[in-house]
Amino acid sequence: MSKDLNTLQKYYFILKEFDKRQDKTLSGYDDVLKEELKLSPKQTVRLLRELSSEHENIVKLEGSKRESYKLIKKLDVILETFEHAQEIGWLFNMAHDSDPEIFKELEEFTKKDKHIYMFKNTPFEDINTLESKQSFQHLKRIIEAKEYAKLKFLGDTQVYDNLKCLKLVFMDNNWYVAYIDSKERLRFGRINFIERVEYATKSEHFQSSTVTKQMKFLESVQNSMTLYGEEKKIAVIKAKKDIAHYFQEDMKIFLSSQKYKEKLNDGSILFTLEYTQELEILPFIQKWLPNLIILEPKELREAYLKKLQETISNHI
């Protein structure tokens, strides 16, 4: 059953309601379903039909005046399925935000052409230690409740107290917690680098109105190296002819600030990138070595040349 998170939550609620009813029967006109799901009877019946088609222990009652369905077996197994589905709700949201068609494509991959496609890597960081998994779940609860948090990072002797944790963010192929520090700056903490998560000295909840600026900034973050409160600079980059087709105006962009500028007579392409510090874009430029050339600003070009010279020195 390939459904979005909102639909999964509706299914889950309906299943729980089935289990609560003494006669184990529901219809599209049920008052509780109407109140909770905010759907018309027709829309609710459609959900009941879909559940019935997927699960043999939910059957349509024949001869009833209104289309009704009955749970005829224990619910444990399918409830467990939906509970797991809700736990990975972040996956549905994240994939849908980046590409709404992704689930249609993945569904097709599971049905055909298995002899053609192979996935050698996963885009998701493995939260593989017990401590990291506990940190992830603890932070999830803290963020939902808008509570202050206390974080201790591996290799750092300092414990950071009274942090406002805003989001669990997946970027650069890693999981981060976006939080506001004591100086009201937005920062990113790598989940796998967190030693422990604790409740903060402040026991009260913070208000959404106190983090409006940081939340707005979070929407425009390019990667984990984007600095809050720093003025954005613009770099002009030339992609040489050999790789110019990757940077054509109609091609998929690599960084969110990337903007096509023009195609030159020699076949190369100019584009721009915004950045708040060198580390925000230099690793990307280095990946395309030697085919991306920094034209402006001068200080960024010099910083890059210095790194290249150090690299050469280290290999002599």
Protein backbone atom coordinates (compact mmCIF):
# COMPACT_ATOMS: atom_id res chain seq x y z
CA MET A 1 0.00 0.00 0.00
CA SER A 2 1.81 3.08 -1.27
CA LYS A 3 0.15 6.11 0.35
CA ASP A 4 1.22 9.49 1.63
CA LEU A 5 1.63 10.10 5.36
CA ASN A 6 -1.70 11.89 5.76
CA THR A 7 -3.57 8.92 4.28
CA LEU A 8 -1.63 6.47 6.43
CA GLN A 9 -2.65 8.40 9.53
CA LYS A 10 -6.30 8.25 8.46
CA TYR A 11 -6.03 4.51 7.90
CA TYR A 12 -4.44 4.09 11.29
CA PHE A 13 -7.22 6.03 13.02
CA ILE A 14 -9.90 3.98 11.28
CA LEU A 15 -8.23 0.73 12.31
CA LYS A 16 -8.09 1.84 15.94
CA GLU A 17 -11.78 2.77 15.77
CA PHE A 18 -12.65 -0.66 14.42
CA ASP A 19 -10.98 -2.18 17.44
CA LYS A 20 -12.81 0.08 19.91
CA ARG A 21 -16.31 -0.74 18.65
CA GLN A 22 -18.14 -3.55 20.35
CA ASP A 23 -19.66 -4.76 17.07
CA LYS A 24 -16.39 -4.05 15.17
CA THR A 25 -18.39 -2.22 12.48
CA LEU A 26 -17.95 1.18 10.81
CA SER A 27 -19.62 3.14 8.01
CA GLY A 28 -18.91 6.37 6.20
CA TYR A 29 -21.57 8.09 8.33
CA ASP A 30 -19.91 7.29 11.66
CA ASP A 31 -19.90 10.44 13.84
CA VAL A 32 -16.43 9.87 15.31
CA LEU A 33 -14.86 9.31 11.88
CA LYS A 34 -16.64 12.39 10.54
CA GLU A 35 -15.36 14.54 13.40
CA GLU A 36 -11.75 13.30 13.34
CA LEU A 37 -11.08 12.78 9.64
CA LYS A 38 -12.89 15.93 8.45
CA LEU A 39 -14.10 14.00 5.39
CA SER A 40 -17.46 13.56 3.74
CA PRO A 41 -19.23 10.17 4.13
CA LYS A 42 -18.36 9.41 0.51
CA GLN A 43 -14.65 10.05 1.10
CA THR A 44 -14.69 7.96 4.29
CA VAL A 45 -16.39 5.06 2.51
CA ARG A 46 -13.62 5.21 -0.10
CA LEU A 47 -11.02 4.74 2.65
CA LEU A 48 -13.00 1.84 4.11
CA ARG A 49 -13.15 0.20 0.69
CA GLU A 50 -9.39 0.57 0.25
CA LEU A 51 -8.72 -0.96 3.65
CA SER A 52 -11.08 -3.82 2.86
CA SER A 53 -9.34 -4.50 -0.44
CA GLU A 54 -5.94 -4.61 1.29
CA HIS A 55 -6.90 -6.66 4.36
CA GLU A 56 -9.00 -9.80 4.29
CA ASN A 57 -10.02 -9.35 7.93
CA ILE A 58 -12.06 -6.23 7.02
CA VAL A 59 -15.16 -7.20 5.03
CA LYS A 60 -18.12 -5.37 3.56
CA LEU A 61 -21.46 -6.13 5.25
CA GLU A 62 -24.01 -7.28 2.70
CA GLY A 63 -27.59 -6.05 2.94
CA SER A 64 -26.87 -3.06 5.20
CA LYS A 65 -28.73 0.17 4.41
CA ARG A 66 -25.52 2.20 4.45
CA GLU A 67 -22.28 0.75 3.11
CA SER A 68 -20.60 -0.68 6.21
CA TYR A 69 -17.52 -2.74 6.99
CA LYS A 70 -16.72 -5.16 9.79
CA LEU A 71 -13.49 -6.29 11.41
CA ILE A 72 -13.69 -10.08 11.63
CA LYS A 73 -10.24 -10.99 12.99
CA LYS A 74 -7.70 -9.70 15.48
CA LEU A 75 -6.09 -6.42 14.51
CA ASP A 76 -2.61 -6.82 15.99
CA VAL A 77 -0.67 -7.51 12.81
CA ILE A 78 -2.03 -4.71 10.64
CA LEU A 79 -1.88 -2.20 13.49
CA GLU A 80 1.81 -3.00 13.85
CA THR A 81 2.24 -2.39 10.12
CA PHE A 82 0.67 1.04 10.33
CA GLU A 83 2.58 1.96 13.47
CA HIS A 84 5.81 1.22 11.58
CA ALA A 85 4.57 3.24 8.63
CA GLN A 86 3.97 6.25 10.87
CA GLU A 87 7.44 5.94 12.39
CA ILE A 88 8.94 6.49 8.91
CA GLY A 89 6.63 9.40 8.19
CA TRP A 90 9.65 11.67 7.78
CA LEU A 91 10.63 9.60 4.74
CA PHE A 92 7.31 10.24 3.02
CA ASN A 93 7.44 13.96 3.75
CA MET A 94 11.06 14.40 2.74
CA ALA A 95 10.82 12.45 -0.50
CA HIS A 96 7.56 14.12 -1.46
CA ASP A 97 9.00 17.59 -0.87
CA SER A 98 11.99 16.89 -3.11
CA ASP A 99 10.06 15.06 -5.82
CA PRO A 100 6.30 14.42 -5.53
CA GLU A 101 6.46 11.75 -8.25
CA ILE A 102 9.08 9.64 -6.49
CA PHE A 103 6.68 7.11 -4.99
CA LYS A 104 4.99 6.47 -8.32
CA GLU A 105 8.38 5.71 -9.81
CA LEU A 106 9.48 3.52 -6.90
CA GLU A 107 6.24 1.59 -7.05
CA GLU A 108 6.87 0.83 -10.70
CA PHE A 109 10.41 -0.32 -9.92
CA THR A 110 9.05 -2.93 -7.52
CA LYS A 111 6.74 -4.35 -10.17
CA LYS A 112 8.96 -4.56 -13.24
CA ASP A 113 12.46 -4.22 -14.66
CA LYS A 114 14.16 -5.74 -11.62
CA HIS A 115 16.70 -7.23 -14.02
CA ILE A 116 17.65 -3.71 -15.15
CA TYR A 117 17.90 -1.59 -12.01
CA MET A 118 20.29 -1.89 -9.08
CA PHE A 119 20.69 0.43 -6.08
CA LYS A 120 24.18 0.20 -4.61
CA ASN A 121 23.83 3.06 -2.14
CA THR A 122 21.16 4.46 0.14
CA PRO A 123 20.69 8.23 0.47
CA PHE A 124 19.96 7.83 4.18
CA GLU A 125 22.55 7.95 6.91
CA ASP A 126 22.52 4.90 9.12
CA ILE A 127 21.59 5.85 12.69
CA ASN A 128 23.36 2.69 13.76
CA THR A 129 24.24 3.03 17.44
CA LEU A 130 21.87 2.70 20.36
CA GLU A 131 22.92 6.16 21.59
CA SER A 132 22.18 7.77 18.21
CA LYS A 133 18.78 6.09 17.96
CA GLN A 134 17.91 7.23 21.48
CA SER A 135 19.10 10.76 20.68
CA PHE A 136 16.98 10.81 17.53
CA GLN A 137 13.81 9.72 19.35
CA HIS A 138 14.46 12.02 22.32
CA LEU A 139 14.97 15.01 20.03
CA LYS A 140 11.82 14.13 18.11
CA ARG A 141 9.78 14.33 21.33
CA ILE A 142 11.49 17.57 22.41
CA ILE A 143 10.84 19.23 19.05
CA GLU A 144 7.18 18.19 19.05
CA ALA A 145 6.70 19.63 22.53
CA LYS A 146 8.82 22.77 21.88
CA GLU A 147 10.88 22.07 24.98
CA TYR A 148 14.38 23.31 25.71
CA ALA A 149 17.19 20.75 25.39
CA LYS A 150 20.69 20.10 26.69
CA LEU A 151 23.19 18.55 24.23
CA LYS A 152 26.62 17.00 24.70
CA PHE A 153 28.63 16.30 21.53
CA LEU A 154 31.37 13.69 21.15
CA GLY A 155 34.85 15.14 21.62
CA ASP A 156 33.51 18.39 23.09
CA THR A 157 33.91 18.98 26.81
CA GLN A 158 31.20 21.65 26.87
CA VAL A 159 27.54 20.82 27.53
CA TYR A 160 25.17 23.13 25.66
CA ASP A 161 22.14 24.03 27.75
CA ASN A 162 18.75 25.66 27.10
CA LEU A 163 18.79 25.08 23.33
CA LYS A 164 15.68 25.52 21.22
CA CYS A 165 15.56 22.54 18.88
CA LEU A 166 13.61 23.34 15.71
CA LYS A 167 13.84 20.47 13.24
CA LEU A 168 15.45 17.14 12.47
CA VAL A 169 17.08 17.94 9.12
CA PHE A 170 18.40 15.51 6.51
CA MET A 171 21.02 17.15 4.26
CA ASP A 172 24.46 16.37 2.87
CA ASN A 173 23.48 12.68 3.28
CA ASN A 174 23.46 13.08 7.08
CA TRP A 175 20.94 13.70 9.86
CA TYR A 176 21.24 16.95 11.85
CA VAL A 177 19.28 18.68 14.56
CA ALA A 178 18.75 22.38 13.83
CA TYR A 179 18.89 24.28 17.12
CA ILE A 180 19.18 27.83 18.44
CA ASP A 181 22.02 28.46 20.87
CA SER A 182 22.22 30.89 23.80
CA LYS A 183 23.18 33.74 21.44
CA GLU A 184 20.07 33.15 19.29
CA ARG A 185 22.16 31.76 16.43
CA LEU A 186 20.90 28.81 14.42
CA ARG A 187 23.29 25.87 14.42
CA PHE A 188 23.36 22.28 13.12
CA GLY A 189 24.37 19.30 15.24
CA ARG A 190 25.11 15.96 13.57
CA ILE A 191 22.93 13.28 15.17
CA ASN A 192 25.65 10.62 15.07
CA PHE A 193 28.00 13.04 16.85
CA ILE A 194 25.67 13.61 19.81
CA GLU A 195 26.82 11.85 22.97
CA ARG A 196 23.63 12.49 24.91
CA VAL A 197 20.40 14.48 24.93
CA GLU A 198 18.92 15.73 28.17
CA TYR A 199 16.14 18.03 29.28
CA ALA A 200 17.43 21.56 29.84
CA THR A 201 17.67 23.66 32.97
CA LYS A 202 14.69 25.65 31.69
CA SER A 203 11.64 23.48 32.18
CA GLU A 204 9.13 25.66 30.34
CA HIS A 205 8.22 25.47 26.65
CA PHE A 206 9.32 28.10 24.14
CA GLN A 207 6.89 29.92 21.87
CA SER A 208 6.94 29.62 18.06
CA SER A 209 6.97 33.42 17.83
CA THR A 210 10.47 33.49 19.39
CA VAL A 211 12.03 31.46 16.55
CA THR A 212 10.37 33.04 13.50
CA LYS A 213 13.60 34.46 12.00
CA GLN A 214 15.52 31.24 12.46
CA MET A 215 12.73 29.13 10.97
CA LYS A 216 12.60 31.38 7.93
CA PHE A 217 16.37 31.11 7.55
CA LEU A 218 16.15 27.32 7.86
CA GLU A 219 13.99 27.20 4.74
CA SER A 220 16.78 28.82 2.71
CA VAL A 221 19.72 26.82 4.08
CA GLN A 222 21.94 25.47 1.29
CA ASN A 223 23.85 22.89 3.32
CA SER A 224 25.19 22.30 6.82
CA MET A 225 27.89 24.92 6.28
CA THR A 226 25.44 27.79 5.68
CA LEU A 227 25.96 30.28 8.52
CA TYR A 228 23.09 32.08 10.22
CA GLY A 229 23.39 35.86 10.51
CA GLU A 230 26.18 36.14 7.91
CA GLU A 231 25.78 38.26 4.80
CA LYS A 232 25.55 36.22 1.60
CA LYS A 233 28.30 36.64 -0.99
CA ILE A 234 28.08 35.77 -4.68
CA ALA A 235 30.66 33.69 -6.53
CA VAL A 236 30.92 33.66 -10.31
CA ILE A 237 32.02 30.24 -11.58
CA LYS A 238 33.00 29.07 -15.06
CA ALA A 239 32.27 25.49 -16.10
CA LYS A 240 34.70 24.50 -18.86
CA LYS A 241 33.42 23.09 -22.14
CA ASP A 242 34.10 19.46 -21.09
CA ILE A 243 31.44 19.60 -18.36
CA ALA A 244 29.36 22.57 -19.53
CA HIS A 245 26.33 20.41 -20.40
CA TYR A 246 25.85 19.63 -16.67
CA PHE A 247 25.38 23.34 -16.02
CA GLN A 248 23.05 24.22 -18.86
CA GLU A 249 20.09 26.41 -17.97
CA ASP A 250 17.58 23.54 -18.14
CA MET A 251 19.66 21.03 -16.16
CA LYS A 252 19.04 20.02 -12.54
CA ILE A 253 20.94 22.32 -10.16
CA PHE A 254 23.47 20.99 -7.65
CA LEU A 255 23.11 23.70 -4.98
CA SER A 256 19.95 25.65 -4.17
CA SER A 257 21.56 29.04 -4.86
CA GLN A 258 22.94 28.00 -8.25
CA LYS A 259 21.86 30.33 -11.09
CA TYR A 260 22.68 30.07 -14.77
CA LYS A 261 24.26 33.21 -16.20
CA GLU A 262 25.40 32.72 -19.80
CA LYS A 263 27.10 30.50 -22.35
CA LEU A 264 30.43 31.79 -23.70
CA ASN A 265 31.76 31.51 -27.25
CA ASP A 266 34.22 28.77 -26.28
CA GLY A 267 31.34 26.56 -25.09
CA SER A 268 31.91 27.11 -21.37
CA ILE A 269 29.12 28.28 -19.09
CA LEU A 270 29.03 30.92 -16.38
CA PHE A 271 26.87 30.47 -13.29
CA THR A 272 26.69 31.97 -9.81
CA LEU A 273 26.55 30.53 -6.28
CA GLU A 274 25.66 32.26 -3.02
CA TYR A 275 27.64 31.46 0.12
CA THR A 276 28.12 32.63 3.70
CA GLN A 277 31.55 31.04 4.18
CA GLU A 278 34.11 29.36 1.92
CA LEU A 279 33.33 25.84 3.18
CA GLU A 280 29.76 26.19 1.94
CA ILE A 281 30.76 25.91 -1.73
CA LEU A 282 34.48 25.01 -2.02
CA PRO A 283 33.96 21.24 -1.49
CA PHE A 284 31.46 21.27 -4.35
CA ILE A 285 33.87 23.14 -6.65
CA GLN A 286 36.66 20.74 -5.70
CA LYS A 287 34.55 17.76 -6.81
CA TRP A 288 34.72 19.06 -10.37
CA LEU A 289 38.49 19.65 -10.32
CA PRO A 290 39.93 20.93 -12.67
CA ASN A 291 36.88 21.92 -14.73
CA LEU A 292 35.29 24.57 -12.50
CA ILE A 293 37.11 27.91 -12.33
CA ILE A 294 36.39 30.60 -9.74
CA LEU A 295 36.28 34.00 -11.48
CA GLU A 296 34.95 36.13 -8.61
CA PRO A 297 35.43 37.17 -5.87
CA LYS A 298 39.20 37.42 -5.69
CA GLU A 299 39.42 36.35 -2.02
CA LEU A 300 37.50 33.12 -2.69
CA ARG A 301 39.73 32.28 -5.66
CA GLU A 302 42.86 32.90 -3.58
CA ALA A 303 41.54 30.75 -0.71
CA TYR A 304 40.87 27.93 -3.17
CA LEU A 305 44.33 28.22 -4.78
CA LYS A 306 45.92 28.08 -1.33
CA LYS A 307 44.10 24.82 -0.56
CA LEU A 308 45.19 23.36 -3.89
CA GLN A 309 48.81 24.34 -3.24
CA GLU A 310 48.67 22.73 0.21
CA THR A 311 47.25 19.58 -1.36
CA ILE A 312 50.10 19.44 -3.89
CA SER A 313 52.67 20.00 -1.12
CA ASN A 314 51.21 17.14 0.89
CA HIS A 315 51.71 14.78 -2.06
CA ILE A 316 55.29 15.67 -2.90
